[in-house]
Amino acid sequence: MLEKEYNFYLKNQTELLKKYSGKFIVIVDEKVLGAYQTEKEAFDEAIKTHELGTFLIQECTPNPDKKCTKLSYQKTCQYKSAVDQSNT
C-alpha cells in the first residue's frame, strides 16, 4: 500500500527538493497535492478530501530514512487518533 506514491517520491526526489525542501508533502496517485510546514497540517488537509490509506505524507529531505518514510502515514494516523481521543 502506498508503494506507488513512495516510489514517485524517490524517482522525483531531486526535483521535489528544489520545490519543497523541508516541507511535508501529500502525494496521491503520483501527484503532489500540497506542501505543509508540519506533518499534522499535511494530515489535516489531506483527510478533508481523501480517505485514510489513499495518501502518503512525506517529509521532503535530501536523505530520507526509508523505514521512517514508509511509516510516515501510519505515524500520522496514530497521532491523529491520539489527538481525537484526547479531545473527547
N, C-alpha and C. Protein backbone atom coordinates (compact mmCIF):
# COMPACT_ATOMS: atom_id res chain seq x y z
N MET A 1 0.84 -1.18 0.00
CA MET A 1 0.00 0.00 0.00
C MET A 1 0.89 1.26 0.00
N LEU A 2 0.56 2.20 -0.83
CA LEU A 2 1.27 3.47 -0.96
C LEU A 2 2.66 3.33 -1.57
N GLU A 3 2.97 2.14 -2.11
CA GLU A 3 4.27 1.94 -2.76
C GLU A 3 4.42 2.86 -3.96
N LYS A 4 3.33 3.03 -4.73
CA LYS A 4 3.37 3.87 -5.91
C LYS A 4 3.73 5.31 -5.54
N GLU A 5 3.14 5.80 -4.47
CA GLU A 5 3.41 7.17 -4.02
C GLU A 5 4.85 7.31 -3.52
N TYR A 6 5.30 6.31 -2.78
CA TYR A 6 6.67 6.35 -2.25
C TYR A 6 7.69 6.29 -3.38
N ASN A 7 7.45 5.42 -4.34
CA ASN A 7 8.36 5.31 -5.48
C ASN A 7 8.37 6.59 -6.31
N PHE A 8 7.22 7.24 -6.42
CA PHE A 8 7.15 8.53 -7.10
C PHE A 8 8.06 9.54 -6.40
N TYR A 9 8.01 9.55 -5.07
CA TYR A 9 8.86 10.46 -4.31
C TYR A 9 10.34 10.18 -4.59
N LEU A 10 10.73 8.93 -4.50
CA LEU A 10 12.13 8.58 -4.71
C LEU A 10 12.58 8.93 -6.14
N LYS A 11 11.76 8.62 -7.10
CA LYS A 11 12.10 8.87 -8.51
C LYS A 11 12.26 10.37 -8.79
N ASN A 12 11.46 11.19 -8.12
CA ASN A 12 11.42 12.63 -8.39
C ASN A 12 12.03 13.46 -7.27
N GLN A 13 12.78 12.82 -6.40
CA GLN A 13 13.27 13.47 -5.19
C GLN A 13 14.07 14.75 -5.48
N THR A 14 14.95 14.72 -6.46
CA THR A 14 15.77 15.90 -6.76
C THR A 14 14.91 17.10 -7.11
N GLU A 15 13.95 16.89 -7.98
CA GLU A 15 13.06 17.98 -8.39
C GLU A 15 12.15 18.42 -7.25
N LEU A 16 11.65 17.47 -6.49
CA LEU A 16 10.78 17.79 -5.36
C LEU A 16 11.53 18.59 -4.30
N LEU A 17 12.80 18.26 -4.07
CA LEU A 17 13.61 19.01 -3.10
C LEU A 17 13.76 20.47 -3.50
N LYS A 18 13.89 20.72 -4.79
CA LYS A 18 14.01 22.10 -5.26
C LYS A 18 12.78 22.92 -4.92
N LYS A 19 11.62 22.29 -4.96
CA LYS A 19 10.35 22.99 -4.72
C LYS A 19 9.91 22.96 -3.26
N TYR A 20 10.15 21.82 -2.59
CA TYR A 20 9.51 21.58 -1.29
C TYR A 20 10.45 21.23 -0.15
N SER A 21 11.71 21.55 -0.25
CA SER A 21 12.68 21.16 0.78
C SER A 21 12.25 21.58 2.18
N GLY A 22 12.27 20.61 3.09
CA GLY A 22 11.93 20.87 4.48
C GLY A 22 10.44 20.85 4.78
N LYS A 23 9.62 20.67 3.79
CA LYS A 23 8.17 20.65 4.00
C LYS A 23 7.65 19.22 3.97
N PHE A 24 6.44 19.06 4.44
CA PHE A 24 5.75 17.78 4.38
C PHE A 24 4.81 17.84 3.18
N ILE A 25 5.01 16.92 2.25
CA ILE A 25 4.17 16.92 1.05
C ILE A 25 3.19 15.76 1.10
N VAL A 26 2.02 16.00 0.53
CA VAL A 26 0.99 14.97 0.41
C VAL A 26 1.02 14.47 -1.02
N ILE A 27 1.18 13.16 -1.18
CA ILE A 27 1.26 12.55 -2.50
C ILE A 27 0.11 11.57 -2.67
N VAL A 28 -0.61 11.72 -3.80
CA VAL A 28 -1.69 10.81 -4.17
C VAL A 28 -1.56 10.54 -5.67
N ASP A 29 -1.58 9.28 -6.04
CA ASP A 29 -1.53 8.91 -7.46
C ASP A 29 -0.41 9.62 -8.21
N GLU A 30 0.77 9.61 -7.64
CA GLU A 30 1.96 10.20 -8.26
C GLU A 30 1.82 11.70 -8.54
N LYS A 31 1.09 12.39 -7.67
CA LYS A 31 0.94 13.84 -7.76
C LYS A 31 1.09 14.44 -6.37
N VAL A 32 1.73 15.60 -6.30
CA VAL A 32 1.84 16.32 -5.05
C VAL A 32 0.60 17.19 -4.91
N LEU A 33 -0.17 16.95 -3.85
CA LEU A 33 -1.41 17.71 -3.64
C LEU A 33 -1.19 18.97 -2.83
N GLY A 34 -0.12 19.00 -2.04
CA GLY A 34 0.14 20.18 -1.23
C GLY A 34 1.42 20.02 -0.45
N ALA A 35 1.93 21.16 0.04
CA ALA A 35 3.15 21.18 0.85
C ALA A 35 2.86 21.97 2.12
N TYR A 36 3.29 21.43 3.26
CA TYR A 36 2.91 22.00 4.56
C TYR A 36 4.10 22.07 5.50
N GLN A 37 4.01 22.94 6.47
CA GLN A 37 5.09 23.13 7.44
C GLN A 37 5.21 21.97 8.41
N THR A 38 4.08 21.33 8.74
CA THR A 38 4.10 20.24 9.72
C THR A 38 3.38 19.01 9.18
N GLU A 39 3.70 17.87 9.74
CA GLU A 39 3.05 16.62 9.37
C GLU A 39 1.57 16.67 9.73
N LYS A 40 1.27 17.26 10.88
CA LYS A 40 -0.13 17.37 11.32
C LYS A 40 -0.94 18.22 10.36
N GLU A 41 -0.38 19.34 9.94
CA GLU A 41 -1.07 20.21 8.99
C GLU A 41 -1.32 19.47 7.67
N ALA A 42 -0.34 18.72 7.20
CA ALA A 42 -0.49 17.95 5.97
C ALA A 42 -1.62 16.92 6.13
N PHE A 43 -1.64 16.25 7.26
CA PHE A 43 -2.69 15.26 7.51
C PHE A 43 -4.06 15.91 7.56
N ASP A 44 -4.16 16.99 8.32
CA ASP A 44 -5.46 17.66 8.47
C ASP A 44 -6.03 18.11 7.13
N GLU A 45 -5.17 18.56 6.23
CA GLU A 45 -5.63 18.99 4.91
C GLU A 45 -5.96 17.79 4.01
N ALA A 46 -5.12 16.77 4.03
CA ALA A 46 -5.33 15.61 3.16
C ALA A 46 -6.62 14.87 3.51
N ILE A 47 -6.90 14.76 4.79
CA ILE A 47 -8.06 13.97 5.23
C ILE A 47 -9.38 14.66 4.85
N LYS A 48 -9.33 15.93 4.53
CA LYS A 48 -10.54 16.64 4.11
C LYS A 48 -11.07 16.12 2.78
N THR A 49 -10.18 15.65 1.92
CA THR A 49 -10.59 15.25 0.57
C THR A 49 -10.24 13.80 0.21
N HIS A 50 -9.48 13.12 1.06
CA HIS A 50 -9.05 11.76 0.74
C HIS A 50 -9.24 10.84 1.95
N GLU A 51 -9.57 9.60 1.68
CA GLU A 51 -9.75 8.61 2.74
C GLU A 51 -8.40 8.15 3.28
N LEU A 52 -8.42 7.71 4.54
CA LEU A 52 -7.22 7.12 5.12
C LEU A 52 -6.74 5.98 4.26
N GLY A 53 -5.43 5.89 4.09
CA GLY A 53 -4.85 4.82 3.30
C GLY A 53 -4.70 5.14 1.83
N THR A 54 -5.13 6.34 1.41
CA THR A 54 -5.05 6.70 -0.01
C THR A 54 -4.01 7.78 -0.29
N PHE A 55 -3.31 8.25 0.73
CA PHE A 55 -2.31 9.29 0.53
C PHE A 55 -1.08 9.02 1.38
N LEU A 56 0.04 9.56 0.90
CA LEU A 56 1.31 9.46 1.62
C LEU A 56 1.73 10.86 2.05
N ILE A 57 2.14 10.99 3.29
CA ILE A 57 2.73 12.23 3.77
C ILE A 57 4.22 11.98 3.88
N GLN A 58 4.99 12.77 3.16
CA GLN A 58 6.44 12.58 3.08
C GLN A 58 7.17 13.87 3.43
N GLU A 59 8.07 13.81 4.39
CA GLU A 59 8.93 14.95 4.65
C GLU A 59 9.96 15.03 3.53
N CYS A 60 10.05 16.16 2.90
CA CYS A 60 10.93 16.33 1.75
C CYS A 60 12.32 16.71 2.23
N THR A 61 13.20 15.70 2.29
CA THR A 61 14.57 15.89 2.77
C THR A 61 15.53 15.20 1.82
N PRO A 62 16.80 15.61 1.81
CA PRO A 62 17.77 15.02 0.89
C PRO A 62 18.02 13.53 1.09
N ASN A 63 18.00 13.06 2.32
CA ASN A 63 18.31 11.66 2.61
C ASN A 63 17.28 11.05 3.54
N PRO A 64 16.08 10.76 3.02
CA PRO A 64 15.06 10.19 3.92
C PRO A 64 15.43 8.78 4.35
N ASP A 65 15.12 8.47 5.57
CA ASP A 65 15.28 7.10 6.06
C ASP A 65 14.10 6.31 5.51
N LYS A 66 14.37 5.30 4.70
CA LYS A 66 13.29 4.59 4.01
C LYS A 66 12.26 4.02 4.98
N LYS A 67 12.72 3.43 6.06
CA LYS A 67 11.79 2.83 7.02
C LYS A 67 10.88 3.90 7.61
N CYS A 68 11.46 5.00 8.05
CA CYS A 68 10.65 6.07 8.65
C CYS A 68 9.72 6.69 7.63
N THR A 69 10.18 6.84 6.41
CA THR A 69 9.35 7.44 5.37
C THR A 69 8.12 6.58 5.12
N LYS A 70 8.31 5.30 5.01
CA LYS A 70 7.17 4.42 4.75
C LYS A 70 6.20 4.41 5.93
N LEU A 71 6.69 4.67 7.11
CA LEU A 71 5.83 4.68 8.29
C LEU A 71 5.21 6.05 8.53
N SER A 72 5.58 7.03 7.76
CA SER A 72 5.10 8.40 7.97
C SER A 72 3.58 8.45 8.04
N TYR A 73 2.92 7.80 7.12
CA TYR A 73 1.46 7.80 7.10
C TYR A 73 0.90 7.16 8.36
N GLN A 74 1.47 6.02 8.76
CA GLN A 74 0.99 5.33 9.96
C GLN A 74 1.20 6.19 11.20
N LYS A 75 2.35 6.84 11.30
CA LYS A 75 2.61 7.68 12.47
C LYS A 75 1.61 8.83 12.51
N THR A 76 1.29 9.39 11.37
CA THR A 76 0.34 10.48 11.32
C THR A 76 -1.03 10.00 11.77
N CYS A 77 -1.43 8.84 11.30
CA CYS A 77 -2.73 8.30 11.71
C CYS A 77 -2.77 8.03 13.20
N GLN A 78 -1.69 7.50 13.75
CA GLN A 78 -1.64 7.25 15.18
C GLN A 78 -1.70 8.57 15.94
N TYR A 79 -1.01 9.58 15.45
CA TYR A 79 -1.02 10.90 16.07
C TYR A 79 -2.44 11.47 16.04
N LYS A 80 -3.09 11.40 14.89
CA LYS A 80 -4.44 11.92 14.74
C LYS A 80 -5.39 11.19 15.69
N SER A 81 -5.27 9.87 15.79
CA SER A 81 -6.12 9.12 16.70
C SER A 81 -5.92 9.55 18.14
N ALA A 82 -4.67 9.77 18.52
CA ALA A 82 -4.38 10.21 19.88
C ALA A 82 -4.96 11.59 20.15
N VAL A 83 -4.88 12.48 19.18
CA VAL A 83 -5.42 13.83 19.34
C VAL A 83 -6.94 13.75 19.46
N ASP A 84 -7.57 12.96 18.59
CA ASP A 84 -9.02 12.82 18.64
C ASP A 84 -9.50 12.27 19.97
N GLN A 85 -8.77 11.28 20.51
CA GLN A 85 -9.16 10.67 21.77
C GLN A 85 -8.99 11.66 22.92
N SER A 86 -7.99 12.50 22.85
CA SER A 86 -7.77 13.45 23.94
C SER A 86 -8.78 14.58 23.93
N ASN A 87 -9.46 14.77 22.79
CA ASN A 87 -10.48 15.83 22.69
C ASN A 87 -11.87 15.36 23.10
N THR A 88 -12.00 14.09 23.46
CA THR A 88 -13.32 13.59 23.84
C THR A 88 -13.50 13.58 25.33
